[in-house]
C-alpha atoms as a PDB file:
ATOM      1  CA  UNK A   1     -31.311 133.494 129.618  1.00  0.00           C
ATOM      2  CA  UNK A   2     -32.488 130.053 131.419  1.00  0.00           C
ATOM      3  CA  UNK A   3     -31.066 127.281 130.985  1.00  0.00           C
ATOM      4  CA  UNK A   4     -34.111 125.237 129.776  1.00  0.00           C
ATOM      5  CA  UNK A   5     -34.419 126.361 126.457  1.00  0.00           C
ATOM      6  CA  UNK A   6     -34.418 123.183 124.476  1.00  0.00           C
ATOM      7  CA  UNK A   7     -31.053 122.260 122.543  1.00  0.00           C
ATOM      8  CA  UNK A   8     -33.107 121.829 119.893  1.00  0.00           C
ATOM      9  CA  UNK A   9     -34.487 125.333 119.456  1.00  0.00           C
ATOM     10  CA  UNK A  10     -31.104 126.415 120.613  1.00  0.00           C
ATOM     11  CA  UNK A  11     -29.829 124.652 117.049  1.00  0.00           C
ATOM     12  CA  UNK A  12     -32.116 125.733 115.002  1.00  0.00           C
ATOM     13  CA  UNK A  13     -31.331 129.353 115.831  1.00  0.00           C
ATOM     14  CA  UNK A  14     -27.957 129.176 115.547  1.00  0.00           C
ATOM     15  CA  UNK A  15     -28.415 127.649 112.164  1.00  0.00           C
ATOM     16  CA  UNK A  16     -31.123 130.500 111.214  1.00  0.00           C
ATOM     17  CA  UNK A  17     -28.249 132.911 112.377  1.00  0.00           C
ATOM     18  CA  UNK A  18     -26.037 131.037 109.796  1.00  0.00           C
ATOM     19  CA  UNK A  19     -28.307 131.387 106.935  1.00  0.00           C
ATOM     20  CA  UNK A  20     -28.659 134.805 107.353  1.00  0.00           C
ATOM     21  CA  UNK A  21     -24.749 134.962 107.104  1.00  0.00           C
ATOM     22  CA  UNK A  22     -25.284 133.227 103.967  1.00  0.00           C
ATOM     23  CA  UNK A  23     -28.189 135.544 102.923  1.00  0.00           C
ATOM     24  CA  UNK A  24     -26.216 138.712 103.004  1.00  0.00           C
ATOM     25  CA  UNK A  25     -23.308 137.402 102.009  1.00  0.00           C
ATOM     26  CA  UNK A  26     -25.058 136.619  98.474  1.00  0.00           C
ATOM     27  CA  UNK A  27     -27.168 139.968  98.488  1.00  0.00           C
ATOM     28  CA  UNK A  28     -23.685 141.932  98.812  1.00  0.00           C
ATOM     29  CA  UNK A  29     -22.544 139.768  95.723  1.00  0.00           C
ATOM     30  CA  UNK A  30     -25.437 140.443  93.453  1.00  0.00           C
ATOM     31  CA  UNK A  31     -25.581 144.428  95.024  1.00  0.00           C
ATOM     32  CA  UNK A  32     -22.071 144.658  93.827  1.00  0.00           C
ATOM     33  CA  UNK A  33     -22.337 143.254  90.229  1.00  0.00           C
ATOM     34  CA  UNK A  34     -24.939 146.093  89.505  1.00  0.00           C
ATOM     35  CA  UNK A  35     -22.686 148.959  91.799  1.00  0.00           C
ATOM     36  CA  UNK A  36     -22.612 152.405  89.726  1.00  0.00           C
ATOM     37  CA  UNK A  37     -19.113 152.614  90.477  1.00  0.00           C
ATOM     38  CA  UNK A  38     -15.430 150.395  90.928  1.00  0.00           C
ATOM     39  CA  UNK A  39     -15.408 151.898  94.689  1.00  0.00           C
ATOM     40  CA  UNK A  40     -18.856 150.917  95.280  1.00  0.00           C
ATOM     41  CA  UNK A  41     -18.256 147.276  93.788  1.00  0.00           C
ATOM     42  CA  UNK A  42     -15.151 146.715  96.186  1.00  0.00           C
ATOM     43  CA  UNK A  43     -17.289 147.829  99.129  1.00  0.00           C
ATOM     44  CA  UNK A  44     -19.724 145.055  98.761  1.00  0.00           C
ATOM     45  CA  UNK A  45     -17.313 142.300  98.219  1.00  0.00           C
ATOM     46  CA  UNK A  46     -15.311 143.027 101.017  1.00  0.00           C
ATOM     47  CA  UNK A  47     -18.458 142.642 103.314  1.00  0.00           C
ATOM     48  CA  UNK A  48     -19.948 140.032 101.331  1.00  0.00           C
ATOM     49  CA  UNK A  49     -16.692 138.196 102.421  1.00  0.00           C
ATOM     50  CA  UNK A  50     -17.182 139.647 105.872  1.00  0.00           C
ATOM     51  CA  UNK A  51     -20.561 137.842 105.979  1.00  0.00           C
ATOM     52  CA  UNK A  52     -18.894 134.784 105.035  1.00  0.00           C
ATOM     53  CA  UNK A  53     -16.288 134.885 108.194  1.00  0.00           C
ATOM     54  CA  UNK A  54     -19.264 135.391 110.067  1.00  0.00           C
ATOM     55  CA  UNK A  55     -20.370 132.163 108.940  1.00  0.00           C
ATOM     56  CA  UNK A  56     -18.027 130.034 110.098  1.00  0.00           C
ATOM     57  CA  UNK A  57     -17.539 131.754 113.417  1.00  0.00           C
ATOM     58  CA  UNK A  58     -21.480 130.326 113.794  1.00  0.00           C
ATOM     59  CA  UNK A  59     -19.871 127.294 112.571  1.00  0.00           C
ATOM     60  CA  UNK A  60     -17.983 127.024 115.719  1.00  0.00           C
ATOM     61  CA  UNK A  61     -21.165 127.394 118.344  1.00  0.00           C
ATOM     62  CA  UNK A  62     -22.778 124.678 115.728  1.00  0.00           C
ATOM     63  CA  UNK A  63     -19.999 122.696 116.400  1.00  0.00           C
ATOM     64  CA  UNK A  64     -19.802 122.789 119.914  1.00  0.00           C
ATOM     65  CA  UNK A  65     -23.879 122.038 119.639  1.00  0.00           C
ATOM     66  CA  UNK A  66     -22.852 118.562 117.934  1.00  0.00           C
ATOM     67  CA  UNK A  67     -23.574 119.808 114.174  1.00  0.00           C
ATOM     68  CA  UNK A  68     -22.282 122.208 111.987  1.00  0.00           C
ATOM     69  CA  UNK A  69     -23.185 125.295 110.213  1.00  0.00           C
ATOM     70  CA  UNK A  70     -24.376 123.968 106.857  1.00  0.00           C
ATOM     71  CA  UNK A  71     -26.198 120.866 108.568  1.00  0.00           C
ATOM     72  CA  UNK A  72     -28.246 123.571 110.455  1.00  0.00           C
ATOM     73  CA  UNK A  73     -28.782 126.265 107.915  1.00  0.00           C
ATOM     74  CA  UNK A  74     -29.898 123.637 105.494  1.00  0.00           C
ATOM     75  CA  UNK A  75     -34.020 124.054 106.139  1.00  0.00           C
ATOM     76  CA  UNK A  76     -33.870 127.503 105.591  1.00  0.00           C
ATOM     77  CA  UNK A  77     -32.375 127.737 102.080  1.00  0.00           C
ATOM     78  CA  UNK A  78     -35.484 129.057 100.385  1.00  0.00           C
ATOM     79  CA  UNK A  79     -37.637 129.709 102.870  1.00  0.00           C
ATOM     80  CA  UNK A  80     -37.805 133.746 101.935  1.00  0.00           C
ATOM     81  CA  UNK A  81     -38.424 132.713  97.987  1.00  0.00           C
ATOM     82  CA  UNK A  82     -36.803 134.469  95.504  1.00  0.00           C
ATOM     83  CA  UNK A  83     -36.838 138.300  96.733  1.00  0.00           C
ATOM     84  CA  UNK A  84     -35.594 139.625  93.418  1.00  0.00           C
ATOM     85  CA  UNK A  85     -38.983 137.601  91.577  1.00  0.00           C
ATOM     86  CA  UNK A  86     -40.940 139.658  94.040  1.00  0.00           C
ATOM     87  CA  UNK A  87     -39.154 142.823  94.236  1.00  0.00           C
ATOM     88  CA  UNK A  88     -37.386 144.012  91.453  1.00  0.00           C
ATOM     89  CA  UNK A  89     -36.247 147.553  91.985  1.00  0.00           C
ATOM     90  CA  UNK A  90     -35.856 150.114  89.226  1.00  0.00           C
ATOM     91  CA  UNK A  91     -32.308 151.746  89.443  1.00  0.00           C
ATOM     92  CA  UNK A  92     -29.291 151.643  92.135  1.00  0.00           C
ATOM     93  CA  UNK A  93     -31.146 153.548  94.583  1.00  0.00           C
ATOM     94  CA  UNK A  94     -34.368 150.896  94.676  1.00  0.00           C
ATOM     95  CA  UNK A  95     -32.177 148.290  95.398  1.00  0.00           C
ATOM     96  CA  UNK A  96     -29.899 149.643  97.906  1.00  0.00           C
ATOM     97  CA  UNK A  97     -33.161 150.645  99.783  1.00  0.00           C
ATOM     98  CA  UNK A  98     -34.315 146.555  99.608  1.00  0.00           C
ATOM     99  CA  UNK A  99     -31.407 145.497 100.769  1.00  0.00           C
ATOM    100  CA  UNK A 100     -30.893 147.904 103.391  1.00  0.00           C
ATOM    101  CA  UNK A 101     -34.618 146.665 104.758  1.00  0.00           C
ATOM    102  CA  UNK A 102     -34.563 143.149 104.122  1.00  0.00           C
ATOM    103  CA  UNK A 103     -30.576 142.363 105.775  1.00  0.00           C
ATOM    104  CA  UNK A 104     -31.882 144.598 108.699  1.00  0.00           C
ATOM    105  CA  UNK A 105     -35.337 142.712 109.627  1.00  0.00           C
ATOM    106  CA  UNK A 106     -33.641 139.691 108.899  1.00  0.00           C
ATOM    107  CA  UNK A 107     -31.017 140.267 111.291  1.00  0.00           C
ATOM    108  CA  UNK A 108     -33.437 142.567 113.471  1.00  0.00           C
ATOM    109  CA  UNK A 109     -35.642 139.215 113.494  1.00  0.00           C
ATOM    110  CA  UNK A 110     -32.524 136.872 114.399  1.00  0.00           C
ATOM    111  CA  UNK A 111     -31.435 139.167 116.830  1.00  0.00           C
ATOM    112  CA  UNK A 112     -34.660 138.774 118.857  1.00  0.00           C
ATOM    113  CA  UNK A 113     -34.521 135.145 118.919  1.00  0.00           C
ATOM    114  CA  UNK A 114     -30.677 134.963 120.064  1.00  0.00           C
ATOM    115  CA  UNK A 115     -30.808 137.369 123.127  1.00  0.00           C
ATOM    116  CA  UNK A 116     -33.258 134.694 124.484  1.00  0.00           C
ATOM    117  CA  UNK A 117     -31.120 131.902 124.482  1.00  0.00           C
ATOM    118  CA  UNK A 118     -28.386 130.923 127.224  1.00  0.00           C
ATOM    119  CA  UNK A 119     -25.376 132.439 127.565  1.00  0.00           C
ATOM    120  CA  UNK A 120     -23.002 130.206 125.947  1.00  0.00           C
ATOM    121  CA  UNK A 121     -24.634 130.492 122.721  1.00  0.00           C
ATOM    122  CA  UNK A 122     -26.123 134.014 122.682  1.00  0.00           C
ATOM    123  CA  UNK A 123     -22.927 135.658 123.155  1.00  0.00           C
ATOM    124  CA  UNK A 124     -20.741 134.349 119.954  1.00  0.00           C
ATOM    125  CA  UNK A 125     -23.853 134.449 117.937  1.00  0.00           C
ATOM    126  CA  UNK A 126     -24.669 138.296 118.879  1.00  0.00           C
ATOM    127  CA  UNK A 127     -21.219 138.997 117.757  1.00  0.00           C
ATOM    128  CA  UNK A 128     -21.963 137.209 114.418  1.00  0.00           C
ATOM    129  CA  UNK A 129     -24.789 139.415 113.917  1.00  0.00           C
ATOM    130  CA  UNK A 130     -23.072 142.951 115.087  1.00  0.00           C
ATOM    131  CA  UNK A 131     -24.233 145.437 112.525  1.00  0.00           C
ATOM    132  CA  UNK A 132     -21.489 145.218 109.707  1.00  0.00           C
ATOM    133  CA  UNK A 133     -20.327 148.323 107.346  1.00  0.00           C
ATOM    134  CA  UNK A 134     -23.279 147.710 105.224  1.00  0.00           C
ATOM    135  CA  UNK A 135     -25.946 149.434 107.547  1.00  0.00           C
ATOM    136  CA  UNK A 136     -23.766 152.521 107.236  1.00  0.00           C
ATOM    137  CA  UNK A 137     -22.929 152.164 103.811  1.00  0.00           C
ATOM    138  CA  UNK A 138     -26.244 151.722 102.376  1.00  0.00           C
ATOM    139  CA  UNK A 139     -27.852 154.891 104.553  1.00  0.00           C
ATOM    140  CA  UNK A 140     -24.617 157.091 103.324  1.00  0.00           C
ATOM    141  CA  UNK A 141     -25.689 156.104  99.726  1.00  0.00           C
ATOM    142  CA  UNK A 142     -29.249 157.215 100.052  1.00  0.00           C
ATOM    143  CA  UNK A 143     -29.122 159.702 102.258  1.00  0.00           C
ATOM    144  CA  UNK A 144     -26.764 161.346  99.557  1.00  0.00           C
ATOM    145  CA  UNK A 145     -29.324 160.321  96.699  1.00  0.00           C
ATOM    146  CA  UNK A 146     -32.161 161.879  98.351  1.00  0.00           C
ATOM    147  CA  UNK A 147     -29.899 165.531  98.801  1.00  0.00           C
ATOM    148  CA  UNK A 148     -29.138 165.096  95.329  1.00  0.00           C
ATOM    149  CA  UNK A 149     -32.959 164.484  93.745  1.00  0.00           C
ATOM    150  CA  UNK A 150     -35.063 165.685  96.644  1.00  0.00           C
ATOM    151  CA  UNK A 151     -38.129 164.245  94.748  1.00  0.00           C
ATOM    152  CA  UNK A 152     -36.343 160.490  94.511  1.00  0.00           C
ATOM    153  CA  UNK A 153     -37.715 160.580  98.356  1.00  0.00           C
ATOM    154  CA  UNK A 154     -41.348 160.251  97.561  1.00  0.00           C
ATOM    155  CA  UNK A 155     -41.007 157.276  95.393  1.00  0.00           C
ATOM    156  CA  UNK A 156     -38.359 155.341  98.127  1.00  0.00           C
ATOM    157  CA  UNK A 157     -40.757 156.011 100.938  1.00  0.00           C
ATOM    158  CA  UNK A 158     -43.178 153.535  98.473  1.00  0.00           C
ATOM    159  CA  UNK A 159     -40.882 151.461  97.585  1.00  0.00           C
ATOM    160  CA  UNK A 160     -39.319 150.936 101.102  1.00  0.00           C
ATOM    161  CA  UNK A 161     -43.285 150.607 102.303  1.00  0.00           C
ATOM    162  CA  UNK A 162     -43.536 147.517  99.659  1.00  0.00           C
ATOM    163  CA  UNK A 163     -40.360 146.145 100.995  1.00  0.00           C
ATOM    164  CA  UNK A 164     -41.295 145.850 104.272  1.00  0.00           C
ATOM    165  CA  UNK A 165     -44.840 145.001 104.220  1.00  0.00           C
ATOM    166  CA  UNK A 166     -43.373 141.520 101.726  1.00  0.00           C
ATOM    167  CA  UNK A 167     -40.291 140.847 104.161  1.00  0.00           C
ATOM    168  CA  UNK A 168     -42.099 140.983 107.355  1.00  0.00           C
ATOM    169  CA  UNK A 169     -44.822 138.120 106.158  1.00  0.00           C
ATOM    170  CA  UNK A 170     -42.380 136.193 104.585  1.00  0.00           C
ATOM    171  CA  UNK A 171     -40.104 136.182 107.943  1.00  0.00           C
ATOM    172  CA  UNK A 172     -43.109 135.344 110.292  1.00  0.00           C
ATOM    173  CA  UNK A 173     -43.709 132.172 108.505  1.00  0.00           C
ATOM    174  CA  UNK A 174     -40.538 131.352 108.867  1.00  0.00           C
ATOM    175  CA  UNK A 175     -41.309 131.793 112.341  1.00  0.00           C
ATOM    176  CA  UNK A 176     -43.387 128.764 112.449  1.00  0.00           C
ATOM    177  CA  UNK A 177     -40.246 126.293 110.912  1.00  0.00           C
ATOM    178  CA  UNK A 178     -39.572 123.244 113.278  1.00  0.00           C
ATOM    179  CA  UNK A 179     -37.196 124.319 116.095  1.00  0.00           C
ATOM    180  CA  UNK A 180     -38.016 127.731 116.123  1.00  0.00           C
ATOM    181  CA  UNK A 181     -41.925 127.246 116.983  1.00  0.00           C
ATOM    182  CA  UNK A 182     -42.662 127.392 120.388  1.00  0.00           C
ATOM    183  CA  UNK A 183     -39.659 128.668 121.769  1.00  0.00           C
ATOM    184  CA  UNK A 184     -39.771 131.855 123.973  1.00  0.00           C
ATOM    185  CA  UNK A 185     -40.325 134.877 121.715  1.00  0.00           C
ATOM    186  CA  UNK A 186     -43.309 135.113 120.630  1.00  0.00           C
ATOM    187  CA  UNK A 187     -44.353 135.820 116.819  1.00  0.00           C
ATOM    188  CA  UNK A 188     -46.043 139.705 118.495  1.00  0.00           C
ATOM    189  CA  UNK A 189     -42.324 140.027 119.863  1.00  0.00           C
ATOM    190  CA  UNK A 190     -41.080 139.621 116.614  1.00  0.00           C
ATOM    191  CA  UNK A 191     -42.781 141.509 114.581  1.00  0.00           C
ATOM    192  CA  UNK A 192     -42.501 144.684 116.942  1.00  0.00           C
ATOM    193  CA  UNK A 193     -38.648 143.565 116.839  1.00  0.00           C
ATOM    194  CA  UNK A 194     -39.108 143.956 113.060  1.00  0.00           C
ATOM    195  CA  UNK A 195     -41.302 146.800 112.769  1.00  0.00           C
ATOM    196  CA  UNK A 196     -39.066 148.695 114.756  1.00  0.00           C
ATOM    197  CA  UNK A 197     -36.057 148.324 113.140  1.00  0.00           C
ATOM    198  CA  UNK A 198     -37.250 148.993 109.853  1.00  0.00           C
ATOM    199  CA  UNK A 199     -39.309 152.180 111.497  1.00  0.00           C
ATOM    200  CA  UNK A 200     -35.762 153.426 112.443  1.00  0.00           C
ATOM    201  CA  UNK A 201     -34.357 152.496 109.190  1.00  0.00           C
ATOM    202  CA  UNK A 202     -36.795 154.285 106.939  1.00  0.00           C
ATOM    203  CA  UNK A 203     -36.901 157.410 109.392  1.00  0.00           C
ATOM    204  CA  UNK A 204     -33.169 157.782 109.206  1.00  0.00           C
ATOM    205  CA  UNK A 205     -33.278 158.249 105.890  1.00  0.00           C
ATOM    206  CA  UNK A 206     -35.710 161.313 106.202  1.00  0.00           C
ATOM    207  CA  UNK A 207     -38.195 158.883 104.074  1.00  0.00           C
ATOM    208  CA  UNK A 208     -42.078 158.413 105.170  1.00  0.00           C
ATOM    209  CA  UNK A 209     -42.873 155.211 107.009  1.00  0.00           C
END
């Protein structure tokens, strides 16, 4: 992409990617505490640690830009509000679907912004955003749960729509943050990226979108 992208925008996008790494790490750790078995707990804790490693990779990119990941990510702290207060899951399946959709949309949002950056920043940031094991882990868990209890699909479909509606609105508000506002990617394009990703995930689970 063109090198005319303002340096402040590159830093702002990289800061958002760093924030997304922390959000995923915390989400995985919280979910690990609610996991029904030790095997799921161990997997989620491992994934949490992997997101910390990705944060370090983003930090290296930001240091090359004259700052660091904690500084660049700071403006986004708290930007999505209290997810657990707004959307309280009733059980493990709802918790897992919430994380699956929330983290997926956050990653899609970041990826759409990253794709418009100059090569030097785009490539390492895209690598940091590469889908981790959680995508497949969550899908496998949820598909198994729905297969064991077909009536679960209806409830999960309703829950999924609620999560998607809440988080798309929250993330589009983030697009108006200083540094992100006025970049080469429009809000319409961000909305499309998140909507398409959410639809793919929901339909992949056999749920009604």
